[in-house]
C-alpha atoms as a PDB file:
ATOM      1  CA  UNK A   1     -19.300 -25.381  37.186  1.00  0.00           C
ATOM      2  CA  UNK A   2     -19.263 -23.704  33.668  1.00  0.00           C
ATOM      3  CA  UNK A   3     -18.954 -25.131  30.082  1.00  0.00           C
ATOM      4  CA  UNK A   4     -15.799 -27.076  29.106  1.00  0.00           C
ATOM      5  CA  UNK A   5     -13.800 -25.589  26.322  1.00  0.00           C
ATOM      6  CA  UNK A   6     -15.022 -26.668  22.967  1.00  0.00           C
ATOM      7  CA  UNK A   7     -13.838 -26.122  19.322  1.00  0.00           C
ATOM      8  CA  UNK A   8     -14.795 -22.922  18.000  1.00  0.00           C
ATOM      9  CA  UNK A   9     -14.813 -23.201  14.264  1.00  0.00           C
ATOM     10  CA  UNK A  10     -13.565 -20.358  12.168  1.00  0.00           C
ATOM     11  CA  UNK A  11     -14.210 -19.705   8.544  1.00  0.00           C
ATOM     12  CA  UNK A  12     -11.459 -21.223   6.320  1.00  0.00           C
ATOM     13  CA  UNK A  13     -11.371 -24.777   7.865  1.00  0.00           C
ATOM     14  CA  UNK A  14      -9.249 -23.695  10.815  1.00  0.00           C
ATOM     15  CA  UNK A  15     -10.408 -24.337  14.352  1.00  0.00           C
ATOM     16  CA  UNK A  16      -9.512 -22.518  17.377  1.00  0.00           C
ATOM     17  CA  UNK A  17      -9.707 -23.705  20.895  1.00  0.00           C
ATOM     18  CA  UNK A  18     -10.446 -21.265  23.593  1.00  0.00           C
ATOM     19  CA  UNK A  19      -9.078 -22.742  26.959  1.00  0.00           C
ATOM     20  CA  UNK A  20     -11.756 -22.631  29.854  1.00  0.00           C
ATOM     21  CA  UNK A  21     -11.532 -23.438  33.424  1.00  0.00           C
ATOM     22  CA  UNK A  22      -9.305 -26.617  34.002  1.00  0.00           C
ATOM     23  CA  UNK A  23      -7.903 -26.464  30.563  1.00  0.00           C
ATOM     24  CA  UNK A  24      -5.741 -23.283  31.429  1.00  0.00           C
ATOM     25  CA  UNK A  25      -2.244 -24.678  31.763  1.00  0.00           C
ATOM     26  CA  UNK A  26      -0.338 -21.500  33.054  1.00  0.00           C
ATOM     27  CA  UNK A  27       0.689 -21.165  36.750  1.00  0.00           C
ATOM     28  CA  UNK A  28      -0.356 -17.651  37.109  1.00  0.00           C
ATOM     29  CA  UNK A  29      -2.857 -15.604  35.122  1.00  0.00           C
ATOM     30  CA  UNK A  30      -3.854 -11.857  34.902  1.00  0.00           C
ATOM     31  CA  UNK A  31      -7.605 -11.915  35.788  1.00  0.00           C
ATOM     32  CA  UNK A  32     -10.378  -9.498  34.577  1.00  0.00           C
ATOM     33  CA  UNK A  33     -13.554  -9.929  36.334  1.00  0.00           C
ATOM     34  CA  UNK A  34     -16.972  -9.860  34.784  1.00  0.00           C
ATOM     35  CA  UNK A  35     -17.231  -5.984  34.832  1.00  0.00           C
ATOM     36  CA  UNK A  36     -14.175  -5.562  32.880  1.00  0.00           C
ATOM     37  CA  UNK A  37     -12.019  -4.480  35.929  1.00  0.00           C
ATOM     38  CA  UNK A  38      -8.402  -5.898  36.457  1.00  0.00           C
ATOM     39  CA  UNK A  39      -8.383  -8.110  39.586  1.00  0.00           C
ATOM     40  CA  UNK A  40      -4.601  -8.692  39.151  1.00  0.00           C
ATOM     41  CA  UNK A  41      -2.095 -11.567  38.788  1.00  0.00           C
ATOM     42  CA  UNK A  42      -2.986 -14.644  40.744  1.00  0.00           C
ATOM     43  CA  UNK A  43      -2.551 -18.474  40.648  1.00  0.00           C
ATOM     44  CA  UNK A  44      -5.076 -20.346  38.286  1.00  0.00           C
ATOM     45  CA  UNK A  45      -6.744 -22.135  41.124  1.00  0.00           C
ATOM     46  CA  UNK A  46      -7.443 -18.827  43.028  1.00  0.00           C
ATOM     47  CA  UNK A  47      -8.881 -17.346  39.742  1.00  0.00           C
ATOM     48  CA  UNK A  48     -11.055 -20.479  39.221  1.00  0.00           C
ATOM     49  CA  UNK A  49     -12.496 -20.161  42.633  1.00  0.00           C
ATOM     50  CA  UNK A  50     -13.420 -16.508  41.902  1.00  0.00           C
ATOM     51  CA  UNK A  51     -15.146 -17.629  38.644  1.00  0.00           C
ATOM     52  CA  UNK A  52     -17.015 -20.455  40.606  1.00  0.00           C
ATOM     53  CA  UNK A  53     -18.195 -17.978  43.213  1.00  0.00           C
ATOM     54  CA  UNK A  54     -19.547 -15.674  40.442  1.00  0.00           C
ATOM     55  CA  UNK A  55     -21.202 -18.709  38.827  1.00  0.00           C
ATOM     56  CA  UNK A  56     -19.138 -17.922  35.555  1.00  0.00           C
ATOM     57  CA  UNK A  57     -16.350 -19.541  33.647  1.00  0.00           C
ATOM     58  CA  UNK A  58     -12.717 -18.544  33.594  1.00  0.00           C
ATOM     59  CA  UNK A  59     -11.771 -18.012  29.801  1.00  0.00           C
ATOM     60  CA  UNK A  60      -8.245 -17.518  28.458  1.00  0.00           C
ATOM     61  CA  UNK A  61      -8.484 -14.550  26.106  1.00  0.00           C
ATOM     62  CA  UNK A  62      -4.845 -13.678  25.579  1.00  0.00           C
ATOM     63  CA  UNK A  63      -2.693 -16.891  25.759  1.00  0.00           C
ATOM     64  CA  UNK A  64       0.360 -15.369  24.177  1.00  0.00           C
ATOM     65  CA  UNK A  65       0.882 -12.511  26.769  1.00  0.00           C
ATOM     66  CA  UNK A  66       3.095 -12.987  29.884  1.00  0.00           C
ATOM     67  CA  UNK A  67       1.249 -13.941  32.114  1.00  0.00           C
ATOM     68  CA  UNK A  68      -1.760 -14.988  30.048  1.00  0.00           C
ATOM     69  CA  UNK A  69      -4.940 -12.841  30.437  1.00  0.00           C
ATOM     70  CA  UNK A  70      -8.105 -14.649  31.570  1.00  0.00           C
ATOM     71  CA  UNK A  71     -11.489 -13.241  32.073  1.00  0.00           C
ATOM     72  CA  UNK A  72     -14.353 -14.297  34.156  1.00  0.00           C
ATOM     73  CA  UNK A  73     -17.380 -14.578  31.855  1.00  0.00           C
ATOM     74  CA  UNK A  74     -20.320 -16.768  30.635  1.00  0.00           C
ATOM     75  CA  UNK A  75     -18.554 -18.808  27.945  1.00  0.00           C
ATOM     76  CA  UNK A  76     -21.634 -19.947  26.282  1.00  0.00           C
ATOM     77  CA  UNK A  77     -22.924 -16.351  25.849  1.00  0.00           C
ATOM     78  CA  UNK A  78     -19.415 -15.213  24.581  1.00  0.00           C
ATOM     79  CA  UNK A  79     -19.391 -17.908  21.943  1.00  0.00           C
ATOM     80  CA  UNK A  80     -22.941 -16.968  20.939  1.00  0.00           C
ATOM     81  CA  UNK A  81     -21.866 -13.215  20.590  1.00  0.00           C
ATOM     82  CA  UNK A  82     -18.654 -14.234  18.557  1.00  0.00           C
ATOM     83  CA  UNK A  83     -21.004 -16.244  16.123  1.00  0.00           C
ATOM     84  CA  UNK A  84     -23.389 -13.359  15.788  1.00  0.00           C
ATOM     85  CA  UNK A  85     -20.549 -10.934  14.935  1.00  0.00           C
ATOM     86  CA  UNK A  86     -19.174 -13.244  12.265  1.00  0.00           C
ATOM     87  CA  UNK A  87     -22.548 -13.684  10.672  1.00  0.00           C
ATOM     88  CA  UNK A  88     -23.013  -9.774  10.590  1.00  0.00           C
ATOM     89  CA  UNK A  89     -19.462  -9.553   9.117  1.00  0.00           C
ATOM     90  CA  UNK A  90     -20.368 -12.058   6.543  1.00  0.00           C
ATOM     91  CA  UNK A  91     -23.609 -10.433   5.766  1.00  0.00           C
ATOM     92  CA  UNK A  92     -21.978  -7.039   4.953  1.00  0.00           C
ATOM     93  CA  UNK A  93     -19.499  -8.704   2.798  1.00  0.00           C
ATOM     94  CA  UNK A  94     -20.178  -8.084  -0.986  1.00  0.00           C
ATOM     95  CA  UNK A  95     -19.387 -10.968  -3.176  1.00  0.00           C
ATOM     96  CA  UNK A  96     -18.499  -9.968  -6.691  1.00  0.00           C
ATOM     97  CA  UNK A  97     -19.350 -12.695  -9.367  1.00  0.00           C
ATOM     98  CA  UNK A  98     -18.077 -12.915 -12.805  1.00  0.00           C
ATOM     99  CA  UNK A  99     -21.017 -13.521 -15.239  1.00  0.00           C
ATOM    100  CA  UNK A 100     -20.258 -14.597 -18.709  1.00  0.00           C
ATOM    101  CA  UNK A 101     -22.105 -13.608 -21.955  1.00  0.00           C
ATOM    102  CA  UNK A 102     -21.440 -15.750 -25.091  1.00  0.00           C
ATOM    103  CA  UNK A 103     -21.747 -14.547 -28.569  1.00  0.00           C
ATOM    104  CA  UNK A 104     -20.945 -15.304 -32.155  1.00  0.00           C
ATOM    105  CA  UNK A 105     -19.539 -12.945 -34.616  1.00  0.00           C
ATOM    106  CA  UNK A 106     -22.713 -13.105 -36.848  1.00  0.00           C
ATOM    107  CA  UNK A 107     -25.136 -12.429 -33.927  1.00  0.00           C
ATOM    108  CA  UNK A 108     -28.056 -10.371 -35.271  1.00  0.00           C
ATOM    109  CA  UNK A 109     -28.680  -6.878 -33.996  1.00  0.00           C
ATOM    110  CA  UNK A 110     -31.790  -7.676 -31.894  1.00  0.00           C
ATOM    111  CA  UNK A 111     -30.080 -10.610 -30.347  1.00  0.00           C
ATOM    112  CA  UNK A 112     -27.106  -8.445 -29.514  1.00  0.00           C
ATOM    113  CA  UNK A 113     -29.327  -5.760 -28.105  1.00  0.00           C
ATOM    114  CA  UNK A 114     -30.886  -8.421 -25.836  1.00  0.00           C
ATOM    115  CA  UNK A 115     -27.526  -9.483 -24.570  1.00  0.00           C
ATOM    116  CA  UNK A 116     -26.285  -5.977 -23.973  1.00  0.00           C
ATOM    117  CA  UNK A 117     -29.620  -5.410 -21.697  1.00  0.00           C
ATOM    118  CA  UNK A 118     -28.555  -8.547 -19.748  1.00  0.00           C
ATOM    119  CA  UNK A 119     -25.019  -7.250 -19.309  1.00  0.00           C
ATOM    120  CA  UNK A 120     -26.446  -3.747 -18.108  1.00  0.00           C
ATOM    121  CA  UNK A 121     -28.469  -5.750 -15.489  1.00  0.00           C
ATOM    122  CA  UNK A 122     -25.229  -7.771 -14.258  1.00  0.00           C
ATOM    123  CA  UNK A 123     -23.385  -4.482 -14.001  1.00  0.00           C
ATOM    124  CA  UNK A 124     -26.182  -2.875 -12.007  1.00  0.00           C
ATOM    125  CA  UNK A 125     -26.056  -5.680  -9.592  1.00  0.00           C
ATOM    126  CA  UNK A 126     -22.198  -4.709  -9.152  1.00  0.00           C
ATOM    127  CA  UNK A 127     -21.028  -7.938 -11.043  1.00  0.00           C
ATOM    128  CA  UNK A 128     -18.104  -8.184 -13.477  1.00  0.00           C
ATOM    129  CA  UNK A 129     -19.061  -9.543 -16.887  1.00  0.00           C
ATOM    130  CA  UNK A 130     -16.924 -11.641 -19.332  1.00  0.00           C
ATOM    131  CA  UNK A 131     -18.076 -11.092 -22.865  1.00  0.00           C
ATOM    132  CA  UNK A 132     -16.938 -13.989 -24.994  1.00  0.00           C
ATOM    133  CA  UNK A 133     -17.024 -14.168 -28.868  1.00  0.00           C
ATOM    134  CA  UNK A 134     -16.736 -17.747 -30.144  1.00  0.00           C
ATOM    135  CA  UNK A 135     -15.548 -18.358 -33.736  1.00  0.00           C
ATOM    136  CA  UNK A 136     -16.354 -21.614 -35.665  1.00  0.00           C
ATOM    137  CA  UNK A 137     -14.683 -22.827 -38.909  1.00  0.00           C
ATOM    138  CA  UNK A 138     -13.577 -20.210 -41.084  1.00  0.00           C
ATOM    139  CA  UNK A 139     -14.984 -17.283 -39.026  1.00  0.00           C
ATOM    140  CA  UNK A 140     -11.549 -17.243 -37.392  1.00  0.00           C
ATOM    141  CA  UNK A 141     -10.229 -15.249 -40.424  1.00  0.00           C
ATOM    142  CA  UNK A 142     -12.579 -12.359 -39.486  1.00  0.00           C
ATOM    143  CA  UNK A 143     -11.409 -12.354 -35.681  1.00  0.00           C
ATOM    144  CA  UNK A 144      -9.518  -8.997 -35.900  1.00  0.00           C
ATOM    145  CA  UNK A 145     -12.084  -7.095 -37.991  1.00  0.00           C
ATOM    146  CA  UNK A 146     -15.587  -8.502 -37.383  1.00  0.00           C
ATOM    147  CA  UNK A 147     -14.893  -9.816 -33.907  1.00  0.00           C
ATOM    148  CA  UNK A 148     -13.160  -6.720 -32.484  1.00  0.00           C
ATOM    149  CA  UNK A 149     -15.899  -4.575 -33.926  1.00  0.00           C
ATOM    150  CA  UNK A 150     -18.586  -6.534 -32.196  1.00  0.00           C
ATOM    151  CA  UNK A 151     -16.905  -6.243 -28.714  1.00  0.00           C
ATOM    152  CA  UNK A 152     -15.924  -2.566 -29.228  1.00  0.00           C
ATOM    153  CA  UNK A 153     -19.633  -1.947 -30.050  1.00  0.00           C
ATOM    154  CA  UNK A 154     -20.769  -3.585 -26.807  1.00  0.00           C
ATOM    155  CA  UNK A 155     -18.104  -1.402 -24.893  1.00  0.00           C
ATOM    156  CA  UNK A 156     -19.360   1.681 -26.514  1.00  0.00           C
ATOM    157  CA  UNK A 157     -23.066   1.098 -25.838  1.00  0.00           C
ATOM    158  CA  UNK A 158     -22.301   0.272 -22.087  1.00  0.00           C
ATOM    159  CA  UNK A 159     -19.715   3.177 -21.514  1.00  0.00           C
ATOM    160  CA  UNK A 160     -22.127   4.946 -19.137  1.00  0.00           C
ATOM    161  CA  UNK A 161     -22.349   2.109 -16.748  1.00  0.00           C
ATOM    162  CA  UNK A 162     -19.229  -0.041 -17.511  1.00  0.00           C
ATOM    163  CA  UNK A 163     -15.397   0.135 -17.503  1.00  0.00           C
ATOM    164  CA  UNK A 164     -13.385  -2.067 -19.761  1.00  0.00           C
ATOM    165  CA  UNK A 165     -11.135  -4.099 -17.307  1.00  0.00           C
ATOM    166  CA  UNK A 166      -9.486  -6.119 -20.059  1.00  0.00           C
ATOM    167  CA  UNK A 167      -9.275  -5.149 -23.749  1.00  0.00           C
ATOM    168  CA  UNK A 168     -10.474  -7.781 -26.194  1.00  0.00           C
ATOM    169  CA  UNK A 169      -8.023 -10.605 -26.466  1.00  0.00           C
ATOM    170  CA  UNK A 170      -7.852 -13.800 -28.279  1.00  0.00           C
ATOM    171  CA  UNK A 171      -7.661 -17.183 -26.345  1.00  0.00           C
ATOM    172  CA  UNK A 172      -7.724 -19.964 -28.977  1.00  0.00           C
ATOM    173  CA  UNK A 173     -10.843 -19.808 -31.005  1.00  0.00           C
ATOM    174  CA  UNK A 174     -12.396 -17.239 -28.666  1.00  0.00           C
ATOM    175  CA  UNK A 175     -11.989 -13.484 -28.118  1.00  0.00           C
ATOM    176  CA  UNK A 176     -12.961 -12.307 -24.770  1.00  0.00           C
ATOM    177  CA  UNK A 177     -13.214  -8.920 -22.985  1.00  0.00           C
ATOM    178  CA  UNK A 178     -13.882  -8.233 -19.184  1.00  0.00           C
ATOM    179  CA  UNK A 179     -16.241  -5.262 -18.188  1.00  0.00           C
ATOM    180  CA  UNK A 180     -16.627  -3.972 -14.681  1.00  0.00           C
ATOM    181  CA  UNK A 181     -19.273  -1.620 -13.117  1.00  0.00           C
ATOM    182  CA  UNK A 182     -18.512   2.140 -12.967  1.00  0.00           C
ATOM    183  CA  UNK A 183     -17.766   3.282  -9.357  1.00  0.00           C
END
């Protein structure tokens, strides 16, 4: 006898249950054998006997069709292959992170150059960068002139590798700008 149907977890917290062998509720099913050839429509009991003779499981692959489609296969091997496919798909996915660089309006030139080098590294790694300029006390008076100038200088120095996704914008006592990597 084969493996009983178990919960197959999928990403996102949802769980799908594949019906196997005795769990199949339909009266008649369309059967596909282990080689992928259609055997035809038959009662579930007869399909299970075919699967037992082959030493495999009867797995419901398309429950919504009329009649449901069942395949004779090794269920454990099928689940293993599905998990491998999901891992490969996850591996090929690119995750874009948003890195944040914080500055002050009176940051010295050398320190600013150092921060720009770090932004360049983040952009080379295909990450987005949020550049935040924080104002303290009376510095807020110079937000439009001094603050915007600093952010414009950063954008100008990085124009060969970066695209400005969001122009400098005030948010409370902070001015921020988003940069993204050039395609």
